[in-house]
Structure formats: C-alpha cells, structure tokens
Amino acid sequence: MSTRPIRNLCVFAGSKRGTSDAFVCAAKALVEAAAERGLGVVYGGGNVGLMNVLAEAALGQGVYVVGVIPRHLLDKEVAHGGLDELLVVEDMLERKALMAKLSDTFVAIPGGVGTFDEIFEMLTWQQLGVHDKHCGILNVDGYFDPLAALIENARTHGFVSNAHAKFLYFDDDPRRLLSRLLGNR
C-alpha cells in the first residue's frame, strides 16, 4: 500500500477504452506525470475501460489511488478491488461531491456522457464559486476539439464570459496540462 499524498488529482475517464490505443497511452502518461509530482489519484472506482487503465497504471507506479463508486455500480461488480481506498456512496451526485472534496484539481480524459457530466459539474461549481480548483482536458488526438469549439461558440454568442471560458484548460500533453493546472508546485 502506498503512502497517502498531500494533494490529489481527480481524473474523469471513460468506462470504455475507446477506439484508439492513444487513449490508453494518454491515461498512462497522465498517471506518470501525476506520480512525478507526488499526486494521488481520485477517480470513479471502476475496473472497466480507461478507468481501469488509469487505476492499474497508478497502482503500478506506487501512486495512492482512491476510487469513489455509487452503490448500484458496486452491485454490478464493476468496482476495482485493489485500490488503496474504495469509497462507496449512494448515488452519482454524492460521488461527484466527494470526488470534489477529495481533490485539488480535475482532469477529463476521453470518455462519454458521464465524463462530460463530471467535468462540466466541476466547471460549473468553479464558475459559481463553490470551489476555486482548476479544471483541465487532456485532449488526446483531438478528441475534445469539438468541445473546445462548442465552448468558444458559446463565448462568441454571449452565453459564456471570456473569464469563464478560460476556466477550462485544454492541452494534449499531460505534463504541460498539470503544470498549467497546478502551477510550478
């Protein structure tokens, strides 16, 4: 078992692996960058898809890993059994709140609607002043280019302020993204 870190990176990741090996490589590279900074990882607690890739890579690097999973997913037996901590909550809302509480910054890697929901919830909370933690997108092979375009379109049409458009960092390099999110610490 690894030692609990002072700071945690929350990663929102897909429950599937996607169609490109680049997604798997990016999840592993993000973990490596987190390990270099002595960060722990908080994630959705699953043993499927990119979530599992992320957890296995982190555990292999000696990174402290906390999974937060809703009971209904635990009952479906998709929870990772080898984490440093697995916290079971009642629902997805409680999951996001606990993940936010445990984390110092947030990164989304490729995933589906659940991943979008999670990073947008954190972005919304930041905009509303619920927290002051940074949010980032690891834009692997241009996966999130349409999202960046959507946010820019919303800004252009006056639905997202210039200041709020800058709350979400996009980068294709995990080390550079973490440096932007965490500063030079």
C-alpha atoms as a PDB file:
ATOM      1  CA  MET A   1       0.000   0.000   0.000  1.00  0.00           C
ATOM      2  CA  SER A   2       1.329   3.429  -0.925  1.00  0.00           C
ATOM      3  CA  THR A   3       1.507   6.487   1.290  1.00  0.00           C
ATOM      4  CA  ARG A   4      -1.399   8.945   1.120  1.00  0.00           C
ATOM      5  CA  PRO A   5      -0.338  12.123  -0.730  1.00  0.00           C
ATOM      6  CA  ILE A   6      -0.985  15.663   0.397  1.00  0.00           C
ATOM      7  CA  ARG A   7      -2.659  16.538  -2.918  1.00  0.00           C
ATOM      8  CA  ASN A   8      -4.940  14.644  -5.262  1.00  0.00           C
ATOM      9  CA  LEU A   9      -5.666  14.797  -8.956  1.00  0.00           C
ATOM     10  CA  CYS A  10      -9.217  13.823  -9.850  1.00  0.00           C
ATOM     11  CA  VAL A  11      -9.457  12.127 -13.228  1.00  0.00           C
ATOM     12  CA  PHE A  12     -12.746  11.643 -15.050  1.00  0.00           C
ATOM     13  CA  ALA A  13     -12.347   8.789 -17.521  1.00  0.00           C
ATOM     14  CA  GLY A  14     -14.412   6.576 -19.771  1.00  0.00           C
ATOM     15  CA  SER A  15     -15.868   3.241 -18.749  1.00  0.00           C
ATOM     16  CA  LYS A  16     -14.777   2.030 -22.191  1.00  0.00           C
ATOM     17  CA  ARG A  17     -11.302   2.041 -23.737  1.00  0.00           C
ATOM     18  CA  GLY A  18     -12.336   3.788 -26.952  1.00  0.00           C
ATOM     19  CA  THR A  19     -11.201   3.044 -30.475  1.00  0.00           C
ATOM     20  CA  SER A  20      -7.605   4.261 -30.264  1.00  0.00           C
ATOM     21  CA  ASP A  21      -4.582   2.980 -28.372  1.00  0.00           C
ATOM     22  CA  ALA A  22      -3.673   6.661 -27.961  1.00  0.00           C
ATOM     23  CA  PHE A  23      -6.379   6.931 -25.281  1.00  0.00           C
ATOM     24  CA  VAL A  24      -4.776   4.142 -23.248  1.00  0.00           C
ATOM     25  CA  CYS A  25      -1.316   5.666 -23.684  1.00  0.00           C
ATOM     26  CA  ALA A  26      -2.607   9.082 -22.594  1.00  0.00           C
ATOM     27  CA  ALA A  27      -4.174   7.667 -19.417  1.00  0.00           C
ATOM     28  CA  LYS A  28      -0.861   6.044 -18.534  1.00  0.00           C
ATOM     29  CA  ALA A  29       1.098   9.211 -19.368  1.00  0.00           C
ATOM     30  CA  LEU A  30      -1.194  11.297 -17.153  1.00  0.00           C
ATOM     31  CA  VAL A  31      -0.562   8.910 -14.255  1.00  0.00           C
ATOM     32  CA  GLU A  32       3.184   9.114 -14.862  1.00  0.00           C
ATOM     33  CA  ALA A  33       3.016  12.923 -14.782  1.00  0.00           C
ATOM     34  CA  ALA A  34       0.955  12.779 -11.564  1.00  0.00           C
ATOM     35  CA  ALA A  35       3.445  10.372  -9.988  1.00  0.00           C
ATOM     36  CA  GLU A  36       6.329  12.721 -10.847  1.00  0.00           C
ATOM     37  CA  ARG A  37       4.540  15.438  -8.862  1.00  0.00           C
ATOM     38  CA  GLY A  38       3.715  13.161  -5.937  1.00  0.00           C
ATOM     39  CA  LEU A  39      -0.007  13.437  -6.562  1.00  0.00           C
ATOM     40  CA  GLY A  40      -2.579  10.864  -5.579  1.00  0.00           C
ATOM     41  CA  VAL A  41      -5.373   9.950  -7.970  1.00  0.00           C
ATOM     42  CA  VAL A  42      -9.097  10.104  -7.283  1.00  0.00           C
ATOM     43  CA  TYR A  43     -11.342   8.508  -9.903  1.00  0.00           C
ATOM     44  CA  GLY A  44     -14.658   6.731 -10.347  1.00  0.00           C
ATOM     45  CA  GLY A  45     -13.555   3.423  -8.814  1.00  0.00           C
ATOM     46  CA  GLY A  46     -14.243   1.199 -11.816  1.00  0.00           C
ATOM     47  CA  ASN A  47     -12.338  -1.784 -13.135  1.00  0.00           C
ATOM     48  CA  VAL A  48     -13.516  -1.189 -16.710  1.00  0.00           C
ATOM     49  CA  GLY A  49     -12.366   0.904 -19.651  1.00  0.00           C
ATOM     50  CA  LEU A  50      -9.972   3.811 -19.276  1.00  0.00           C
ATOM     51  CA  MET A  51     -10.871   3.950 -15.592  1.00  0.00           C
ATOM     52  CA  ASN A  52      -9.208   0.566 -15.127  1.00  0.00           C
ATOM     53  CA  VAL A  53      -6.212   1.543 -17.277  1.00  0.00           C
ATOM     54  CA  LEU A  54      -5.778   4.646 -15.125  1.00  0.00           C
ATOM     55  CA  ALA A  55      -6.065   2.744 -11.820  1.00  0.00           C
ATOM     56  CA  GLU A  56      -3.727  -0.071 -12.857  1.00  0.00           C
ATOM     57  CA  ALA A  57      -1.116   2.389 -14.134  1.00  0.00           C
ATOM     58  CA  ALA A  58      -1.334   4.424 -10.929  1.00  0.00           C
ATOM     59  CA  LEU A  59      -1.059   1.401  -8.670  1.00  0.00           C
ATOM     60  CA  GLY A  60       1.879   0.157 -10.748  1.00  0.00           C
ATOM     61  CA  GLN A  61       3.655   3.486 -10.173  1.00  0.00           C
ATOM     62  CA  GLY A  62       3.012   3.421  -6.428  1.00  0.00           C
ATOM     63  CA  VAL A  63       0.500   6.279  -6.662  1.00  0.00           C
ATOM     64  CA  TYR A  64      -2.125   6.378  -3.909  1.00  0.00           C
ATOM     65  CA  VAL A  65      -5.474   5.665  -5.588  1.00  0.00           C
ATOM     66  CA  VAL A  66      -8.922   6.472  -4.237  1.00  0.00           C
ATOM     67  CA  GLY A  67     -12.000   5.197  -6.048  1.00  0.00           C
ATOM     68  CA  VAL A  68     -15.436   6.668  -5.420  1.00  0.00           C
ATOM     69  CA  ILE A  69     -18.264   4.484  -6.667  1.00  0.00           C
ATOM     70  CA  PRO A  70     -22.040   4.558  -6.310  1.00  0.00           C
ATOM     71  CA  ARG A  71     -23.569   1.509  -4.632  1.00  0.00           C
ATOM     72  CA  HIS A  72     -25.535   0.499  -7.753  1.00  0.00           C
ATOM     73  CA  LEU A  73     -22.271   0.156  -9.702  1.00  0.00           C
ATOM     74  CA  LEU A  74     -20.690  -1.762  -6.834  1.00  0.00           C
ATOM     75  CA  ASP A  75     -23.620  -4.175  -7.016  1.00  0.00           C
ATOM     76  CA  LYS A  76     -22.944  -4.624 -10.767  1.00  0.00           C
ATOM     77  CA  GLU A  77     -19.422  -5.763  -9.802  1.00  0.00           C
ATOM     78  CA  VAL A  78     -17.575  -3.115 -11.784  1.00  0.00           C
ATOM     79  CA  ALA A  79     -15.581  -1.827  -8.793  1.00  0.00           C
ATOM     80  CA  HIS A  80     -11.798  -2.177  -8.742  1.00  0.00           C
ATOM     81  CA  GLY A  81     -10.812  -4.474  -5.892  1.00  0.00           C
ATOM     82  CA  GLY A  82      -7.178  -3.453  -5.427  1.00  0.00           C
ATOM     83  CA  LEU A  83      -7.295   0.271  -4.661  1.00  0.00           C
ATOM     84  CA  ASP A  84      -5.773   1.994  -1.654  1.00  0.00           C
ATOM     85  CA  GLU A  85      -9.285   3.216  -0.814  1.00  0.00           C
ATOM     86  CA  LEU A  86     -12.677   2.421  -2.322  1.00  0.00           C
ATOM     87  CA  LEU A  87     -15.402   4.723  -1.044  1.00  0.00           C
ATOM     88  CA  VAL A  88     -18.989   3.663  -1.678  1.00  0.00           C
ATOM     89  CA  VAL A  89     -21.650   6.366  -1.968  1.00  0.00           C
ATOM     90  CA  GLU A  90     -25.378   6.227  -2.586  1.00  0.00           C
ATOM     91  CA  ASP A  91     -25.605   7.966  -5.976  1.00  0.00           C
ATOM     92  CA  MET A  92     -23.815   9.901  -8.701  1.00  0.00           C
ATOM     93  CA  LEU A  93     -24.464  13.276  -7.071  1.00  0.00           C
ATOM     94  CA  GLU A  94     -22.811  12.153  -3.854  1.00  0.00           C
ATOM     95  CA  ARG A  95     -19.982  10.653  -5.907  1.00  0.00           C
ATOM     96  CA  LYS A  96     -19.179  13.952  -7.624  1.00  0.00           C
ATOM     97  CA  ALA A  97     -19.388  15.899  -4.360  1.00  0.00           C
ATOM     98  CA  LEU A  98     -16.998  13.521  -2.591  1.00  0.00           C
ATOM     99  CA  MET A  99     -14.595  13.427  -5.529  1.00  0.00           C
ATOM    100  CA  ALA A 100     -14.552  17.237  -5.492  1.00  0.00           C
ATOM    101  CA  LYS A 101     -13.928  17.321  -1.753  1.00  0.00           C
ATOM    102  CA  LEU A 102     -11.017  14.869  -2.006  1.00  0.00           C
ATOM    103  CA  SER A 103      -9.348  16.548  -4.981  1.00  0.00           C
ATOM    104  CA  ASP A 104      -7.227  19.609  -5.659  1.00  0.00           C
ATOM    105  CA  THR A 105      -7.685  19.764  -9.425  1.00  0.00           C
ATOM    106  CA  PHE A 106      -9.693  17.953 -12.110  1.00  0.00           C
ATOM    107  CA  VAL A 107      -8.800  16.456 -15.484  1.00  0.00           C
ATOM    108  CA  ALA A 108     -11.038  14.763 -18.025  1.00  0.00           C
ATOM    109  CA  ILE A 109      -9.572  12.227 -20.410  1.00  0.00           C
ATOM    110  CA  PRO A 110     -11.585  10.679 -23.241  1.00  0.00           C
ATOM    111  CA  GLY A 111     -14.910   9.258 -22.185  1.00  0.00           C
ATOM    112  CA  GLY A 112     -18.605   9.541 -22.841  1.00  0.00           C
ATOM    113  CA  VAL A 113     -21.568  11.352 -21.378  1.00  0.00           C
ATOM    114  CA  GLY A 114     -20.633  10.529 -17.780  1.00  0.00           C
ATOM    115  CA  THR A 115     -17.178  12.028 -18.247  1.00  0.00           C
ATOM    116  CA  PHE A 116     -18.681  15.133 -19.846  1.00  0.00           C
ATOM    117  CA  ASP A 117     -21.137  15.467 -16.965  1.00  0.00           C
ATOM    118  CA  GLU A 118     -18.413  15.170 -14.358  1.00  0.00           C
ATOM    119  CA  ILE A 119     -16.027  17.760 -15.783  1.00  0.00           C
ATOM    120  CA  PHE A 120     -18.883  20.152 -16.548  1.00  0.00           C
ATOM    121  CA  GLU A 121     -20.189  19.841 -12.989  1.00  0.00           C
ATOM    122  CA  MET A 122     -16.750  20.806 -11.651  1.00  0.00           C
ATOM    123  CA  LEU A 123     -16.504  23.640 -14.179  1.00  0.00           C
ATOM    124  CA  THR A 124     -19.966  24.901 -13.176  1.00  0.00           C
ATOM    125  CA  TRP A 125     -19.063  24.752  -9.481  1.00  0.00           C
ATOM    126  CA  GLN A 126     -15.917  26.743 -10.219  1.00  0.00           C
ATOM    127  CA  GLN A 127     -17.921  29.358 -12.145  1.00  0.00           C
ATOM    128  CA  LEU A 128     -20.416  29.619  -9.259  1.00  0.00           C
ATOM    129  CA  GLY A 129     -17.670  29.910  -6.644  1.00  0.00           C
ATOM    130  CA  VAL A 130     -18.395  26.564  -4.974  1.00  0.00           C
ATOM    131  CA  HIS A 131     -14.674  25.792  -5.317  1.00  0.00           C
ATOM    132  CA  ASP A 132     -11.625  27.510  -6.788  1.00  0.00           C
ATOM    133  CA  LYS A 133      -9.945  24.410  -8.233  1.00  0.00           C
ATOM    134  CA  HIS A 134      -8.744  24.254 -11.820  1.00  0.00           C
ATOM    135  CA  CYS A 135     -10.301  22.044 -14.491  1.00  0.00           C
ATOM    136  CA  GLY A 136      -8.456  20.575 -17.455  1.00  0.00           C
ATOM    137  CA  ILE A 137      -8.997  18.462 -20.524  1.00  0.00           C
ATOM    138  CA  LEU A 138      -6.346  16.063 -21.812  1.00  0.00           C
ATOM    139  CA  ASN A 139      -7.148  16.435 -25.497  1.00  0.00           C
ATOM    140  CA  VAL A 140      -5.903  13.150 -26.935  1.00  0.00           C
ATOM    141  CA  ASP A 141      -5.757  13.016 -30.744  1.00  0.00           C
ATOM    142  CA  GLY A 142      -8.170  15.942 -30.955  1.00  0.00           C
ATOM    143  CA  TYR A 143     -10.917  14.009 -29.146  1.00  0.00           C
ATOM    144  CA  PHE A 144     -12.115  17.131 -27.328  1.00  0.00           C
ATOM    145  CA  ASP A 145     -11.700  19.572 -30.249  1.00  0.00           C
ATOM    146  CA  PRO A 146     -15.496  19.718 -30.771  1.00  0.00           C
ATOM    147  CA  LEU A 147     -15.930  20.567 -27.065  1.00  0.00           C
ATOM    148  CA  ALA A 148     -13.393  23.397 -27.308  1.00  0.00           C
ATOM    149  CA  ALA A 149     -15.252  24.661 -30.380  1.00  0.00           C
ATOM    150  CA  LEU A 150     -18.587  24.466 -28.536  1.00  0.00           C
ATOM    151  CA  ILE A 151     -17.254  26.493 -25.611  1.00  0.00           C
ATOM    152  CA  GLU A 152     -15.797  29.058 -27.997  1.00  0.00           C
ATOM    153  CA  ASN A 153     -19.128  29.212 -29.840  1.00  0.00           C
ATOM    154  CA  ALA A 154     -20.960  29.791 -26.539  1.00  0.00           C
ATOM    155  CA  ARG A 155     -18.469  32.537 -25.700  1.00  0.00           C
ATOM    156  CA  THR A 156     -18.864  34.148 -29.117  1.00  0.00           C
ATOM    157  CA  HIS A 157     -22.657  34.175 -28.717  1.00  0.00           C
ATOM    158  CA  GLY A 158     -22.516  35.686 -25.238  1.00  0.00           C
ATOM    159  CA  PHE A 159     -23.503  32.652 -23.161  1.00  0.00           C
ATOM    160  CA  VAL A 160     -20.057  32.116 -21.623  1.00  0.00           C
ATOM    161  CA  SER A 161     -17.981  35.067 -20.457  1.00  0.00           C
ATOM    162  CA  ASN A 162     -14.365  35.495 -21.543  1.00  0.00           C
ATOM    163  CA  ALA A 163     -13.294  34.888 -17.937  1.00  0.00           C
ATOM    164  CA  HIS A 164     -15.321  31.687 -17.609  1.00  0.00           C
ATOM    165  CA  ALA A 165     -14.138  30.371 -20.984  1.00  0.00           C
ATOM    166  CA  LYS A 166     -10.632  30.408 -19.502  1.00  0.00           C
ATOM    167  CA  PHE A 167     -11.645  28.231 -16.527  1.00  0.00           C
ATOM    168  CA  LEU A 168     -11.145  25.074 -18.609  1.00  0.00           C
ATOM    169  CA  TYR A 169      -7.603  24.308 -19.803  1.00  0.00           C
ATOM    170  CA  PHE A 170      -7.141  22.167 -22.929  1.00  0.00           C
ATOM    171  CA  ASP A 171      -3.809  20.522 -23.675  1.00  0.00           C
ATOM    172  CA  ASP A 172      -2.609  17.409 -25.465  1.00  0.00           C
ATOM    173  CA  ASP A 173       0.436  16.938 -23.209  1.00  0.00           C
ATOM    174  CA  PRO A 174      -0.218  15.614 -19.684  1.00  0.00           C
ATOM    175  CA  ARG A 175       2.868  17.185 -18.089  1.00  0.00           C
ATOM    176  CA  ARG A 176       2.165  20.575 -19.581  1.00  0.00           C
ATOM    177  CA  LEU A 177      -1.506  20.310 -18.577  1.00  0.00           C
ATOM    178  CA  LEU A 178      -0.625  19.511 -14.958  1.00  0.00           C
ATOM    179  CA  SER A 179       1.865  22.381 -14.908  1.00  0.00           C
ATOM    180  CA  ARG A 180      -0.863  24.750 -16.077  1.00  0.00           C
ATOM    181  CA  LEU A 181      -3.367  23.382 -13.553  1.00  0.00           C
ATOM    182  CA  LEU A 182      -1.051  23.243 -10.567  1.00  0.00           C
ATOM    183  CA  GLY A 183       1.473  25.942 -11.358  1.00  0.00           C
ATOM    184  CA  ASN A 184       5.131  25.206 -10.764  1.00  0.00           C
ATOM    185  CA  ARG A 185       4.493  23.387  -7.475  1.00  0.00           C
END
